[in-house]
Amino acid sequence: MGAAGRRLSRERKTLEAMIRLRCRDVHKPDGGDLCGECRDLLGYAEERLAKCPFGEGKPTCARCPVHCYRPEMRERIREVMRYAGPRMIREHPWLALMHLLDGRRKTPGRPGKKSGGPEG
């Protein structure tokens, strides 16, 4: 797997870690697995990540010019990120550090848009 493939793989791991962290602390599911609501959110997030128009050049969600989540799902993932973000450095320090570094990457332009001149 190349460096770019590692980027999306790490993004998936970070999403899952954040959702699991919030589910564990807030929903307290039996057996340590995800509750149904969080399992659905993770499935949706992974589906959107797989369809990301930026592919391996994907920026972090906070810096992305494309809103690929439905509004209600976007709010749910924001809740997860608000809760889990500050706790990630303690729970998953490597993923947290790499996510911060990924957030400093240059944000690409919108896919499919041509730069330099009027469209036509």
PDB file of N, CA and C in Angstrom:
ATOM      1  N   MET A   1       0.856  -1.180   0.000  1.00  0.00           N
ATOM      2  CA  MET A   1       0.000   0.000   0.000  1.00  0.00           C
ATOM      3  C   MET A   1       0.890   1.227   0.000  1.00  0.00           C
ATOM      4  N   GLY A   2       0.648   2.165  -0.920  1.00  0.00           N
ATOM      5  CA  GLY A   2       1.456   3.367  -1.023  1.00  0.00           C
ATOM      6  C   GLY A   2       1.108   4.367   0.065  1.00  0.00           C
ATOM      7  N   ALA A   3       1.847   5.462   0.084  1.00  0.00           N
ATOM      8  CA  ALA A   3       1.620   6.508   1.090  1.00  0.00           C
ATOM      9  C   ALA A   3       0.204   7.045   1.002  1.00  0.00           C
ATOM     10  N   ALA A   4      -0.291   7.214  -0.212  1.00  0.00           N
ATOM     11  CA  ALA A   4      -1.637   7.743  -0.385  1.00  0.00           C
ATOM     12  C   ALA A   4      -2.680   6.768   0.148  1.00  0.00           C
ATOM     13  N   GLY A   5      -2.494   5.472  -0.075  1.00  0.00           N
ATOM     14  CA  GLY A   5      -3.421   4.468   0.433  1.00  0.00           C
ATOM     15  C   GLY A   5      -3.453   4.459   1.946  1.00  0.00           C
ATOM     16  N   ARG A   6      -2.341   4.734   2.547  1.00  0.00           N
ATOM     17  CA  ARG A   6      -2.284   4.808   4.013  1.00  0.00           C
ATOM     18  C   ARG A   6      -3.095   5.981   4.528  1.00  0.00           C
ATOM     19  N   ARG A   7      -3.174   7.050   3.757  1.00  0.00           N
ATOM     20  CA  ARG A   7      -3.915   8.239   4.185  1.00  0.00           C
ATOM     21  C   ARG A   7      -5.398   7.912   4.371  1.00  0.00           C
ATOM     22  N   LEU A   8      -6.028   7.289   3.390  1.00  0.00           N
ATOM     23  CA  LEU A   8      -7.447   6.957   3.522  1.00  0.00           C
ATOM     24  C   LEU A   8      -7.683   5.873   4.568  1.00  0.00           C
ATOM     25  N   SER A   9      -6.775   4.939   4.678  1.00  0.00           N
ATOM     26  CA  SER A   9      -6.892   3.900   5.698  1.00  0.00           C
ATOM     27  C   SER A   9      -6.854   4.529   7.097  1.00  0.00           C
ATOM     28  N   ARG A  10      -5.954   5.468   7.275  1.00  0.00           N
ATOM     29  CA  ARG A  10      -5.842   6.157   8.567  1.00  0.00           C
ATOM     30  C   ARG A  10      -7.089   6.999   8.830  1.00  0.00           C
ATOM     31  N   GLU A  11      -7.642   7.603   7.788  1.00  0.00           N
ATOM     32  CA  GLU A  11      -8.871   8.392   7.945  1.00  0.00           C
ATOM     33  C   GLU A  11     -10.011   7.496   8.426  1.00  0.00           C
ATOM     34  N   ARG A  12     -10.101   6.289   7.862  1.00  0.00           N
ATOM     35  CA  ARG A  12     -11.132   5.333   8.303  1.00  0.00           C
ATOM     36  C   ARG A  12     -10.931   4.950   9.770  1.00  0.00           C
ATOM     37  N   LYS A  13      -9.684   4.670  10.137  1.00  0.00           N
ATOM     38  CA  LYS A  13      -9.384   4.287  11.519  1.00  0.00           C
ATOM     39  C   LYS A  13      -9.714   5.426  12.480  1.00  0.00           C
ATOM     40  N   THR A  14      -9.411   6.648  12.077  1.00  0.00           N
ATOM     41  CA  THR A  14      -9.691   7.805  12.928  1.00  0.00           C
ATOM     42  C   THR A  14     -11.188   7.989  13.117  1.00  0.00           C
ATOM     43  N   LEU A  15     -11.947   7.892  12.031  1.00  0.00           N
ATOM     44  CA  LEU A  15     -13.406   7.986  12.124  1.00  0.00           C
ATOM     45  C   LEU A  15     -13.967   6.926  13.065  1.00  0.00           C
ATOM     46  N   GLU A  16     -13.524   5.703  12.867  1.00  0.00           N
ATOM     47  CA  GLU A  16     -14.027   4.612  13.710  1.00  0.00           C
ATOM     48  C   GLU A  16     -13.648   4.820  15.167  1.00  0.00           C
ATOM     49  N   ALA A  17     -12.412   5.228  15.424  1.00  0.00           N
ATOM     50  CA  ALA A  17     -11.968   5.460  16.800  1.00  0.00           C
ATOM     51  C   ALA A  17     -12.800   6.546  17.466  1.00  0.00           C
ATOM     52  N   MET A  18     -13.090   7.617  16.739  1.00  0.00           N
ATOM     53  CA  MET A  18     -13.878   8.712  17.310  1.00  0.00           C
ATOM     54  C   MET A  18     -15.303   8.280  17.604  1.00  0.00           C
ATOM     55  N   ILE A  19     -15.908   7.560  16.686  1.00  0.00           N
ATOM     56  CA  ILE A  19     -17.284   7.091  16.895  1.00  0.00           C
ATOM     57  C   ILE A  19     -17.325   6.098  18.046  1.00  0.00           C
ATOM     58  N   ARG A  20     -16.368   5.170  18.100  1.00  0.00           N
ATOM     59  CA  ARG A  20     -16.332   4.195  19.191  1.00  0.00           C
ATOM     60  C   ARG A  20     -16.131   4.876  20.550  1.00  0.00           C
ATOM     61  N   LEU A  21     -15.280   5.860  20.598  1.00  0.00           N
ATOM     62  CA  LEU A  21     -15.006   6.581  21.846  1.00  0.00           C
ATOM     63  C   LEU A  21     -16.268   7.255  22.371  1.00  0.00           C
ATOM     64  N   ARG A  22     -16.963   7.967  21.500  1.00  0.00           N
ATOM     65  CA  ARG A  22     -18.181   8.647  21.944  1.00  0.00           C
ATOM     66  C   ARG A  22     -19.270   7.640  22.311  1.00  0.00           C
ATOM     67  N   CYS A  23     -19.426   6.599  21.516  1.00  0.00           N
ATOM     68  CA  CYS A  23     -20.444   5.593  21.800  1.00  0.00           C
ATOM     69  C   CYS A  23     -20.182   4.938  23.161  1.00  0.00           C
ATOM     70  N   ARG A  24     -18.932   4.571  23.405  1.00  0.00           N
ATOM     71  CA  ARG A  24     -18.560   3.939  24.676  1.00  0.00           C
ATOM     72  C   ARG A  24     -18.902   4.830  25.863  1.00  0.00           C
ATOM     73  N   ASP A  25     -18.572   6.116  25.762  1.00  0.00           N
ATOM     74  CA  ASP A  25     -18.749   7.026  26.886  1.00  0.00           C
ATOM     75  C   ASP A  25     -20.168   7.567  27.029  1.00  0.00           C
ATOM     76  N   VAL A  26     -20.859   7.779  25.914  1.00  0.00           N
ATOM     77  CA  VAL A  26     -22.176   8.419  25.953  1.00  0.00           C
ATOM     78  C   VAL A  26     -23.310   7.402  25.929  1.00  0.00           C
ATOM     79  N   HIS A  27     -23.238   6.447  25.015  1.00  0.00           N
ATOM     80  CA  HIS A  27     -24.333   5.486  24.872  1.00  0.00           C
ATOM     81  C   HIS A  27     -24.156   4.236  25.736  1.00  0.00           C
ATOM     82  N   LYS A  28     -22.936   3.944  26.118  1.00  0.00           N
ATOM     83  CA  LYS A  28     -22.610   2.806  26.988  1.00  0.00           C
ATOM     84  C   LYS A  28     -23.282   1.500  26.537  1.00  0.00           C
ATOM     85  N   PRO A  29     -22.999   1.066  25.300  1.00  0.00           N
ATOM     86  CA  PRO A  29     -23.648  -0.159  24.809  1.00  0.00           C
ATOM     87  C   PRO A  29     -23.157  -1.400  25.555  1.00  0.00           C
ATOM     88  N   ASP A  30     -24.013  -2.404  25.635  1.00  0.00           N
ATOM     89  CA  ASP A  30     -23.638  -3.674  26.266  1.00  0.00           C
ATOM     90  C   ASP A  30     -22.638  -4.414  25.386  1.00  0.00           C
ATOM     91  N   GLY A  31     -21.693  -5.067  25.984  1.00  0.00           N
ATOM     92  CA  GLY A  31     -20.751  -5.902  25.255  1.00  0.00           C
ATOM     93  C   GLY A  31     -19.604  -5.155  24.603  1.00  0.00           C
ATOM     94  N   GLY A  32     -19.539  -3.841  24.753  1.00  0.00           N
ATOM     95  CA  GLY A  32     -18.412  -3.091  24.219  1.00  0.00           C
ATOM     96  C   GLY A  32     -18.464  -2.807  22.730  1.00  0.00           C
ATOM     97  N   ASP A  33     -19.512  -3.267  22.024  1.00  0.00           N
ATOM     98  CA  ASP A  33     -19.621  -2.987  20.594  1.00  0.00           C
ATOM     99  C   ASP A  33     -20.365  -1.672  20.425  1.00  0.00           C
ATOM    100  N   LEU A  34     -20.542  -1.237  19.196  1.00  0.00           N
ATOM    101  CA  LEU A  34     -21.275  -0.009  18.919  1.00  0.00           C
ATOM    102  C   LEU A  34     -22.778  -0.226  19.060  1.00  0.00           C
ATOM    103  N   CYS A  35     -23.475   0.816  19.512  1.00  0.00           N
ATOM    104  CA  CYS A  35     -24.931   0.762  19.520  1.00  0.00           C
ATOM    105  C   CYS A  35     -25.401   0.868  18.067  1.00  0.00           C
ATOM    106  N   GLY A  36     -26.660   0.605  17.821  1.00  0.00           N
ATOM    107  CA  GLY A  36     -27.195   0.639  16.462  1.00  0.00           C
ATOM    108  C   GLY A  36     -27.035   1.996  15.795  1.00  0.00           C
ATOM    109  N   GLU A  37     -27.290   3.069  16.537  1.00  0.00           N
ATOM    110  CA  GLU A  37     -27.175   4.425  15.989  1.00  0.00           C
ATOM    111  C   GLU A  37     -25.743   4.712  15.528  1.00  0.00           C
ATOM    112  N   CYS A  38     -24.780   4.346  16.356  1.00  0.00           N
ATOM    113  CA  CYS A  38     -23.373   4.598  16.009  1.00  0.00           C
ATOM    114  C   CYS A  38     -22.884   3.656  14.915  1.00  0.00           C
ATOM    115  N   ARG A  39     -23.389   2.433  14.889  1.00  0.00           N
ATOM    116  CA  ARG A  39     -23.043   1.491  13.819  1.00  0.00           C
ATOM    117  C   ARG A  39     -23.529   2.043  12.472  1.00  0.00           C
ATOM    118  N   ASP A  40     -24.749   2.611  12.469  1.00  0.00           N
ATOM    119  CA  ASP A  40     -25.282   3.216  11.246  1.00  0.00           C
ATOM    120  C   ASP A  40     -24.452   4.427  10.821  1.00  0.00           C
ATOM    121  N   LEU A  41     -24.066   5.254  11.782  1.00  0.00           N
ATOM    122  CA  LEU A  41     -23.257   6.434  11.481  1.00  0.00           C
ATOM    123  C   LEU A  41     -21.900   6.029  10.910  1.00  0.00           C
ATOM    124  N   LEU A  42     -21.278   5.020  11.501  1.00  0.00           N
ATOM    125  CA  LEU A  42     -19.986   4.558  11.003  1.00  0.00           C
ATOM    126  C   LEU A  42     -20.127   4.011   9.588  1.00  0.00           C
ATOM    127  N   GLY A  43     -21.157   3.232   9.333  1.00  0.00           N
ATOM    128  CA  GLY A  43     -21.379   2.702   7.986  1.00  0.00           C
ATOM    129  C   GLY A  43     -21.574   3.822   6.974  1.00  0.00           C
ATOM    130  N   TYR A  44     -22.353   4.825   7.343  1.00  0.00           N
ATOM    131  CA  TYR A  44     -22.587   5.966   6.459  1.00  0.00           C
ATOM    132  C   TYR A  44     -21.287   6.730   6.210  1.00  0.00           C
ATOM    133  N   ALA A  45     -20.518   6.979   7.272  1.00  0.00           N
ATOM    134  CA  ALA A  45     -19.260   7.717   7.141  1.00  0.00           C
ATOM    135  C   ALA A  45     -18.274   6.956   6.255  1.00  0.00           C
ATOM    136  N   GLU A  46     -18.191   5.653   6.423  1.00  0.00           N
ATOM    137  CA  GLU A  46     -17.290   4.853   5.586  1.00  0.00           C
ATOM    138  C   GLU A  46     -17.733   4.864   4.125  1.00  0.00           C
ATOM    139  N   GLU A  47     -19.040   4.837   3.901  1.00  0.00           N
ATOM    140  CA  GLU A  47     -19.570   4.894   2.533  1.00  0.00           C
ATOM    141  C   GLU A  47     -19.212   6.232   1.882  1.00  0.00           C
ATOM    142  N   ARG A  48     -19.381   7.319   2.615  1.00  0.00           N
ATOM    143  CA  ARG A  48     -19.058   8.641   2.079  1.00  0.00           C
ATOM    144  C   ARG A  48     -17.552   8.766   1.833  1.00  0.00           C
ATOM    145  N   LEU A  49     -16.759   8.216   2.718  1.00  0.00           N
ATOM    146  CA  LEU A  49     -15.304   8.261   2.548  1.00  0.00           C
ATOM    147  C   LEU A  49     -14.898   7.498   1.287  1.00  0.00           C
ATOM    148  N   ALA A  50     -15.522   6.363   1.052  1.00  0.00           N
ATOM    149  CA  ALA A  50     -15.209   5.561  -0.135  1.00  0.00           C
ATOM    150  C   ALA A  50     -15.584   6.288  -1.423  1.00  0.00           C
ATOM    151  N   LYS A  51     -16.573   7.172  -1.360  1.00  0.00           N
ATOM    152  CA  LYS A  51     -17.027   7.908  -2.538  1.00  0.00           C
ATOM    153  C   LYS A  51     -16.438   9.308  -2.618  1.00  0.00           C
ATOM    154  N   CYS A  52     -15.491   9.629  -1.769  1.00  0.00           N
ATOM    155  CA  CYS A  52     -14.920  10.979  -1.732  1.00  0.00           C
ATOM    156  C   CYS A  52     -14.335  11.338  -3.096  1.00  0.00           C
ATOM    157  N   PRO A  53     -14.746  12.473  -3.665  1.00  0.00           N
ATOM    158  CA  PRO A  53     -14.225  12.852  -4.976  1.00  0.00           C
ATOM    159  C   PRO A  53     -12.731  13.181  -4.971  1.00  0.00           C
ATOM    160  N   PHE A  54     -12.166  13.437  -3.809  1.00  0.00           N
ATOM    161  CA  PHE A  54     -10.742  13.730  -3.711  1.00  0.00           C
ATOM    162  C   PHE A  54      -9.904  12.462  -3.656  1.00  0.00           C
ATOM    163  N   GLY A  55     -10.550  11.332  -3.380  1.00  0.00           N
ATOM    164  CA  GLY A  55      -9.817  10.070  -3.294  1.00  0.00           C
ATOM    165  C   GLY A  55      -8.700  10.162  -2.271  1.00  0.00           C
ATOM    166  N   GLU A  56      -7.528   9.737  -2.654  1.00  0.00           N
ATOM    167  CA  GLU A  56      -6.389   9.699  -1.743  1.00  0.00           C
ATOM    168  C   GLU A  56      -5.877  11.092  -1.362  1.00  0.00           C
ATOM    169  N   GLY A  57      -6.294  12.127  -2.100  1.00  0.00           N
ATOM    170  CA  GLY A  57      -5.884  13.494  -1.776  1.00  0.00           C
ATOM    171  C   GLY A  57      -6.859  14.190  -0.847  1.00  0.00           C
ATOM    172  N   LYS A  58      -7.747  13.421  -0.225  1.00  0.00           N
ATOM    173  CA  LYS A  58      -8.796  13.970   0.625  1.00  0.00           C
ATOM    174  C   LYS A  58      -8.233  14.818   1.764  1.00  0.00           C
ATOM    175  N   PRO A  59      -8.771  16.038   1.929  1.00  0.00           N
ATOM    176  CA  PRO A  59      -8.397  16.838   3.093  1.00  0.00           C
ATOM    177  C   PRO A  59      -9.196  16.364   4.314  1.00  0.00           C
ATOM    178  N   THR A  60      -8.882  16.879   5.488  1.00  0.00           N
ATOM    179  CA  THR A  60      -9.719  16.571   6.645  1.00  0.00           C
ATOM    180  C   THR A  60     -11.087  17.207   6.412  1.00  0.00           C
ATOM    181  N   CYS A  61     -12.111  16.664   7.038  1.00  0.00           N
ATOM    182  CA  CYS A  61     -13.478  17.147   6.805  1.00  0.00           C
ATOM    183  C   CYS A  61     -13.613  18.644   7.110  1.00  0.00           C
ATOM    184  N   ALA A  62     -12.951  19.104   8.162  1.00  0.00           N
ATOM    185  CA  ALA A  62     -13.057  20.511   8.536  1.00  0.00           C
ATOM    186  C   ALA A  62     -12.531  21.443   7.451  1.00  0.00           C
ATOM    187  N   ARG A  63     -11.615  20.978   6.626  1.00  0.00           N
ATOM    188  CA  ARG A  63     -11.022  21.811   5.580  1.00  0.00           C
ATOM    189  C   ARG A  63     -11.541  21.485   4.184  1.00  0.00           C
ATOM    190  N   CYS A  64     -12.508  20.612   4.088  1.00  0.00           N
ATOM    191  CA  CYS A  64     -12.980  20.148   2.788  1.00  0.00           C
ATOM    192  C   CYS A  64     -13.962  21.146   2.170  1.00  0.00           C
ATOM    193  N   PRO A  65     -13.791  21.467   0.887  1.00  0.00           N
ATOM    194  CA  PRO A  65     -14.722  22.382   0.224  1.00  0.00           C
ATOM    195  C   PRO A  65     -16.022  21.698  -0.212  1.00  0.00           C
ATOM    196  N   VAL A  66     -16.103  20.381  -0.109  1.00  0.00           N
ATOM    197  CA  VAL A  66     -17.291  19.633  -0.527  1.00  0.00           C
ATOM    198  C   VAL A  66     -17.989  19.082   0.714  1.00  0.00           C
ATOM    199  N   HIS A  67     -19.303  19.326   0.806  1.00  0.00           N
ATOM    200  CA  HIS A  67     -20.087  18.774   1.921  1.00  0.00           C
ATOM    201  C   HIS A  67     -20.789  17.524   1.417  1.00  0.00           C
ATOM    202  N   CYS A  68     -20.232  16.355   1.751  1.00  0.00           N
ATOM    203  CA  CYS A  68     -20.762  15.119   1.184  1.00  0.00           C
ATOM    204  C   CYS A  68     -21.744  14.406   2.119  1.00  0.00           C
ATOM    205  N   TYR A  69     -21.916  14.895   3.348  1.00  0.00           N
ATOM    206  CA  TYR A  69     -22.862  14.274   4.276  1.00  0.00           C
ATOM    207  C   TYR A  69     -24.214  14.960   4.158  1.00  0.00           C
ATOM    208  N   ARG A  70     -25.284  14.172   4.299  1.00  0.00           N
ATOM    209  CA  ARG A  70     -26.622  14.768   4.422  1.00  0.00           C
ATOM    210  C   ARG A  70     -26.616  15.634   5.678  1.00  0.00           C
ATOM    211  N   PRO A  71     -27.416  16.694   5.726  1.00  0.00           N
ATOM    212  CA  PRO A  71     -27.361  17.617   6.873  1.00  0.00           C
ATOM    213  C   PRO A  71     -27.515  16.943   8.245  1.00  0.00           C
ATOM    214  N   GLU A  72     -28.448  15.996   8.366  1.00  0.00           N
ATOM    215  CA  GLU A  72     -28.639  15.364   9.684  1.00  0.00           C
ATOM    216  C   GLU A  72     -27.436  14.490  10.060  1.00  0.00           C
ATOM    217  N   MET A  73     -26.838  13.851   9.077  1.00  0.00           N
ATOM    218  CA  MET A  73     -25.655  13.028   9.351  1.00  0.00           C
ATOM    219  C   MET A  73     -24.440  13.919   9.636  1.00  0.00           C
ATOM    220  N   ARG A  74     -24.363  15.050   8.960  1.00  0.00           N
ATOM    221  CA  ARG A  74     -23.279  15.989   9.209  1.00  0.00           C
ATOM    222  C   ARG A  74     -23.333  16.473  10.659  1.00  0.00           C
ATOM    223  N   GLU A  75     -24.534  16.748  11.146  1.00  0.00           N
ATOM    224  CA  GLU A  75     -24.661  17.190  12.538  1.00  0.00           C
ATOM    225  C   GLU A  75     -24.273  16.069  13.498  1.00  0.00           C
ATOM    226  N   ARG A  76     -24.648  14.841  13.192  1.00  0.00           N
ATOM    227  CA  ARG A  76     -24.278  13.718  14.058  1.00  0.00           C
ATOM    228  C   ARG A  76     -22.765  13.529  14.097  1.00  0.00           C
ATOM    229  N   ILE A  77     -22.095  13.644  12.952  1.00  0.00           N
ATOM    230  CA  ILE A  77     -20.645  13.455  12.945  1.00  0.00           C
ATOM    231  C   ILE A  77     -19.964  14.631  13.631  1.00  0.00           C
ATOM    232  N   ARG A  78     -20.549  15.828  13.539  1.00  0.00           N
ATOM    233  CA  ARG A  78     -20.001  16.974  14.277  1.00  0.00           C
ATOM    234  C   ARG A  78     -20.064  16.724  15.787  1.00  0.00           C
ATOM    235  N   GLU A  79     -21.169  16.163  16.247  1.00  0.00           N
ATOM    236  CA  GLU A  79     -21.298  15.839  17.668  1.00  0.00           C
ATOM    237  C   GLU A  79     -20.196  14.864  18.090  1.00  0.00           C
ATOM    238  N   VAL A  80     -19.974  13.863  17.251  1.00  0.00           N
ATOM    239  CA  VAL A  80     -18.915  12.881  17.535  1.00  0.00           C
ATOM    240  C   VAL A  80     -17.563  13.588  17.614  1.00  0.00           C
ATOM    241  N   MET A  81     -17.268  14.436  16.631  1.00  0.00           N
ATOM    242  CA  MET A  81     -15.968  15.098  16.584  1.00  0.00           C
ATOM    243  C   MET A  81     -15.782  16.076  17.738  1.00  0.00           C
ATOM    244  N   ARG A  82     -16.856  16.792  18.102  1.00  0.00           N
ATOM    245  CA  ARG A  82     -16.765  17.716  19.245  1.00  0.00           C
ATOM    246  C   ARG A  82     -16.459  16.960  20.529  1.00  0.00           C
ATOM    247  N   TYR A  83     -17.085  15.800  20.689  1.00  0.00           N
ATOM    248  CA  TYR A  83     -16.856  15.011  21.899  1.00  0.00           C
ATOM    249  C   TYR A  83     -15.504  14.311  21.868  1.00  0.00           C
ATOM    250  N   ALA A  84     -15.241  13.587  20.787  1.00  0.00           N
ATOM    251  CA  ALA A  84     -14.066  12.721  20.739  1.00  0.00           C
ATOM    252  C   ALA A  84     -12.772  13.461  20.429  1.00  0.00           C
ATOM    253  N   GLY A  85     -12.859  14.554  19.680  1.00  0.00           N
ATOM    254  CA  GLY A  85     -11.653  15.275  19.281  1.00  0.00           C
ATOM    255  C   GLY A  85     -10.696  15.568  20.437  1.00  0.00           C
ATOM    256  N   PRO A  86     -11.160  16.227  21.479  1.00  0.00           N
ATOM    257  CA  PRO A  86     -10.260  16.536  22.597  1.00  0.00           C
ATOM    258  C   PRO A  86      -9.766  15.297  23.352  1.00  0.00           C
ATOM    259  N   ARG A  87     -10.491  14.203  23.275  1.00  0.00           N
ATOM    260  CA  ARG A  87     -10.122  12.985  24.000  1.00  0.00           C
ATOM    261  C   ARG A  87      -9.201  12.067  23.191  1.00  0.00           C
ATOM    262  N   MET A  88      -9.097  12.330  21.894  1.00  0.00           N
ATOM    263  CA  MET A  88      -8.298  11.457  21.029  1.00  0.00           C
ATOM    264  C   MET A  88      -6.816  11.466  21.395  1.00  0.00           C
ATOM    265  N   ILE A  89      -6.290  12.580  21.854  1.00  0.00           N
ATOM    266  CA  ILE A  89      -4.863  12.637  22.171  1.00  0.00           C
ATOM    267  C   ILE A  89      -4.527  11.675  23.310  1.00  0.00           C
ATOM    268  N   ARG A  90      -5.461  11.461  24.206  1.00  0.00           N
ATOM    269  CA  ARG A  90      -5.256  10.526  25.315  1.00  0.00           C
ATOM    270  C   ARG A  90      -5.535   9.082  24.903  1.00  0.00           C
ATOM    271  N   GLU A  91      -6.604   8.890  24.125  1.00  0.00           N
ATOM    272  CA  GLU A  91      -7.046   7.542  23.766  1.00  0.00           C
ATOM    273  C   GLU A  91      -6.297   6.956  22.571  1.00  0.00           C
ATOM    274  N   HIS A  92      -6.012   7.802  21.584  1.00  0.00           N
ATOM    275  CA  HIS A  92      -5.369   7.359  20.334  1.00  0.00           C
ATOM    276  C   HIS A  92      -4.375   8.431  19.897  1.00  0.00           C
ATOM    277  N   PRO A  93      -3.267   8.569  20.623  1.00  0.00           N
ATOM    278  CA  PRO A  93      -2.349   9.689  20.348  1.00  0.00           C
ATOM    279  C   PRO A  93      -1.790   9.707  18.930  1.00  0.00           C
ATOM    280  N   TRP A  94      -1.467   8.555  18.362  1.00  0.00           N
ATOM    281  CA  TRP A  94      -0.901   8.539  17.013  1.00  0.00           C
ATOM    282  C   TRP A  94      -1.928   9.010  15.978  1.00  0.00           C
ATOM    283  N   LEU A  95      -3.146   8.496  16.070  1.00  0.00           N
ATOM    284  CA  LEU A  95      -4.187   8.932  15.137  1.00  0.00           C
ATOM    285  C   LEU A  95      -4.472  10.418  15.303  1.00  0.00           C
ATOM    286  N   ALA A  96      -4.494  10.892  16.544  1.00  0.00           N
ATOM    287  CA  ALA A  96      -4.754  12.312  16.792  1.00  0.00           C
ATOM    288  C   ALA A  96      -3.655  13.182  16.191  1.00  0.00           C
ATOM    289  N   LEU A  97      -2.415  12.797  16.394  1.00  0.00           N
ATOM    290  CA  LEU A  97      -1.292  13.564  15.853  1.00  0.00           C
ATOM    291  C   LEU A  97      -1.343  13.580  14.319  1.00  0.00           C
ATOM    292  N   MET A  98      -1.563  12.433  13.728  1.00  0.00           N
ATOM    293  CA  MET A  98      -1.590  12.365  12.270  1.00  0.00           C
ATOM    294  C   MET A  98      -2.777  13.157  11.698  1.00  0.00           C
ATOM    295  N   HIS A  99      -3.906  13.163  12.408  1.00  0.00           N
ATOM    296  CA  HIS A  99      -5.062  13.937  11.959  1.00  0.00           C
ATOM    297  C   HIS A  99      -4.747  15.438  12.005  1.00  0.00           C
ATOM    298  N   LEU A 100      -4.054  15.855  13.061  1.00  0.00           N
ATOM    299  CA  LEU A 100      -3.654  17.266  13.143  1.00  0.00           C
ATOM    300  C   LEU A 100      -2.709  17.631  12.001  1.00  0.00           C
ATOM    301  N   LEU A 101      -1.769  16.756  11.707  1.00  0.00           N
ATOM    302  CA  LEU A 101      -0.842  17.013  10.600  1.00  0.00           C
ATOM    303  C   LEU A 101      -1.579  17.009   9.257  1.00  0.00           C
ATOM    304  N   ASP A 102      -2.517  16.082   9.077  1.00  0.00           N
ATOM    305  CA  ASP A 102      -3.309  16.043   7.844  1.00  0.00           C
ATOM    306  C   ASP A 102      -4.102  17.342   7.687  1.00  0.00           C
ATOM    307  N   GLY A 103      -4.549  17.923   8.783  1.00  0.00           N
ATOM    308  CA  GLY A 103      -5.310  19.163   8.744  1.00  0.00           C
ATOM    309  C   GLY A 103      -4.482  20.353   8.281  1.00  0.00           C
ATOM    310  N   ARG A 104      -3.181  20.217   8.313  1.00  0.00           N
ATOM    311  CA  ARG A 104      -2.297  21.296   7.870  1.00  0.00           C
ATOM    312  C   ARG A 104      -1.954  21.198   6.388  1.00  0.00           C
ATOM    313  N   ARG A 105      -2.393  20.114   5.760  1.00  0.00           N
ATOM    314  CA  ARG A 105      -2.133  19.941   4.327  1.00  0.00           C
ATOM    315  C   ARG A 105      -2.903  20.993   3.531  1.00  0.00           C
ATOM    316  N   LYS A 106      -2.384  21.335   2.382  1.00  0.00           N
ATOM    317  CA  LYS A 106      -3.045  22.290   1.499  1.00  0.00           C
ATOM    318  C   LYS A 106      -4.379  21.698   1.057  1.00  0.00           C
ATOM    319  N   THR A 107      -5.420  22.507   1.136  1.00  0.00           N
ATOM    320  CA  THR A 107      -6.740  22.068   0.723  1.00  0.00           C
ATOM    321  C   THR A 107      -6.842  22.131  -0.792  1.00  0.00           C
ATOM    322  N   PRO A 108      -7.180  21.021  -1.438  1.00  0.00           N
ATOM    323  CA  PRO A 108      -7.295  21.024  -2.901  1.00  0.00           C
ATOM    324  C   PRO A 108      -8.532  21.792  -3.348  1.00  0.00           C
ATOM    325  N   GLY A 109      -8.555  22.189  -4.607  1.00  0.00           N
ATOM    326  CA  GLY A 109      -9.748  22.810  -5.176  1.00  0.00           C
ATOM    327  C   GLY A 109     -10.825  21.766  -5.362  1.00  0.00           C
ATOM    328  N   ARG A 110     -12.000  22.211  -5.676  1.00  0.00           N
ATOM    329  CA  ARG A 110     -13.108  21.269  -5.889  1.00  0.00           C
ATOM    330  C   ARG A 110     -12.811  20.377  -7.082  1.00  0.00           C
ATOM    331  N   PRO A 111     -13.033  19.084  -6.958  1.00  0.00           N
ATOM    332  CA  PRO A 111     -12.786  18.177  -8.083  1.00  0.00           C
ATOM    333  C   PRO A 111     -13.702  18.521  -9.256  1.00  0.00           C
ATOM    334  N   GLY A 112     -13.163  18.342 -10.454  1.00  0.00           N
ATOM    335  CA  GLY A 112     -13.955  18.579 -11.653  1.00  0.00           C
ATOM    336  C   GLY A 112     -13.944  20.015 -12.119  1.00  0.00           C
ATOM    337  N   LYS A 113     -13.386  20.913 -11.321  1.00  0.00           N
ATOM    338  CA  LYS A 113     -13.306  22.319 -11.700  1.00  0.00           C
ATOM    339  C   LYS A 113     -11.975  22.570 -12.387  1.00  0.00           C
ATOM    340  N   LYS A 114     -12.001  23.267 -13.492  1.00  0.00           N
ATOM    341  CA  LYS A 114     -10.779  23.628 -14.176  1.00  0.00           C
ATOM    342  C   LYS A 114     -10.296  24.966 -13.645  1.00  0.00           C
ATOM    343  N   SER A 115      -8.987  25.059 -13.440  1.00  0.00           N
ATOM    344  CA  SER A 115      -8.453  26.319 -12.943  1.00  0.00           C
ATOM    345  C   SER A 115      -7.850  27.100 -14.086  1.00  0.00           C
ATOM    346  N   GLY A 116      -7.767  28.398 -13.898  1.00  0.00           N
ATOM    347  CA  GLY A 116      -7.094  29.241 -14.860  1.00  0.00           C
ATOM    348  C   GLY A 116      -7.939  29.602 -16.063  1.00  0.00           C
ATOM    349  N   GLY A 117      -8.922  30.433 -15.882  1.00  0.00           N
ATOM    350  CA  GLY A 117      -9.681  30.906 -17.018  1.00  0.00           C
ATOM    351  C   GLY A 117     -11.156  30.626 -16.875  1.00  0.00           C
ATOM    352  N   PRO A 118     -11.947  31.293 -17.688  1.00  0.00           N
ATOM    353  CA  PRO A 118     -13.403  31.084 -17.612  1.00  0.00           C
ATOM    354  C   PRO A 118     -13.779  29.690 -18.076  1.00  0.00           C
ATOM    355  N   GLU A 119     -14.830  29.183 -17.470  1.00  0.00           N
ATOM    356  CA  GLU A 119     -15.311  27.860 -17.862  1.00  0.00           C
ATOM    357  C   GLU A 119     -16.161  27.994 -19.109  1.00  0.00           C
ATOM    358  N   GLY A 120     -16.177  26.979 -19.892  1.00  0.00           N
ATOM    359  CA  GLY A 120     -16.995  27.115 -21.071  1.00  0.00           C
ATOM    360  C   GLY A 120     -17.186  25.900 -21.769  1.00  0.00           C
TER     361      GLY A 120
END
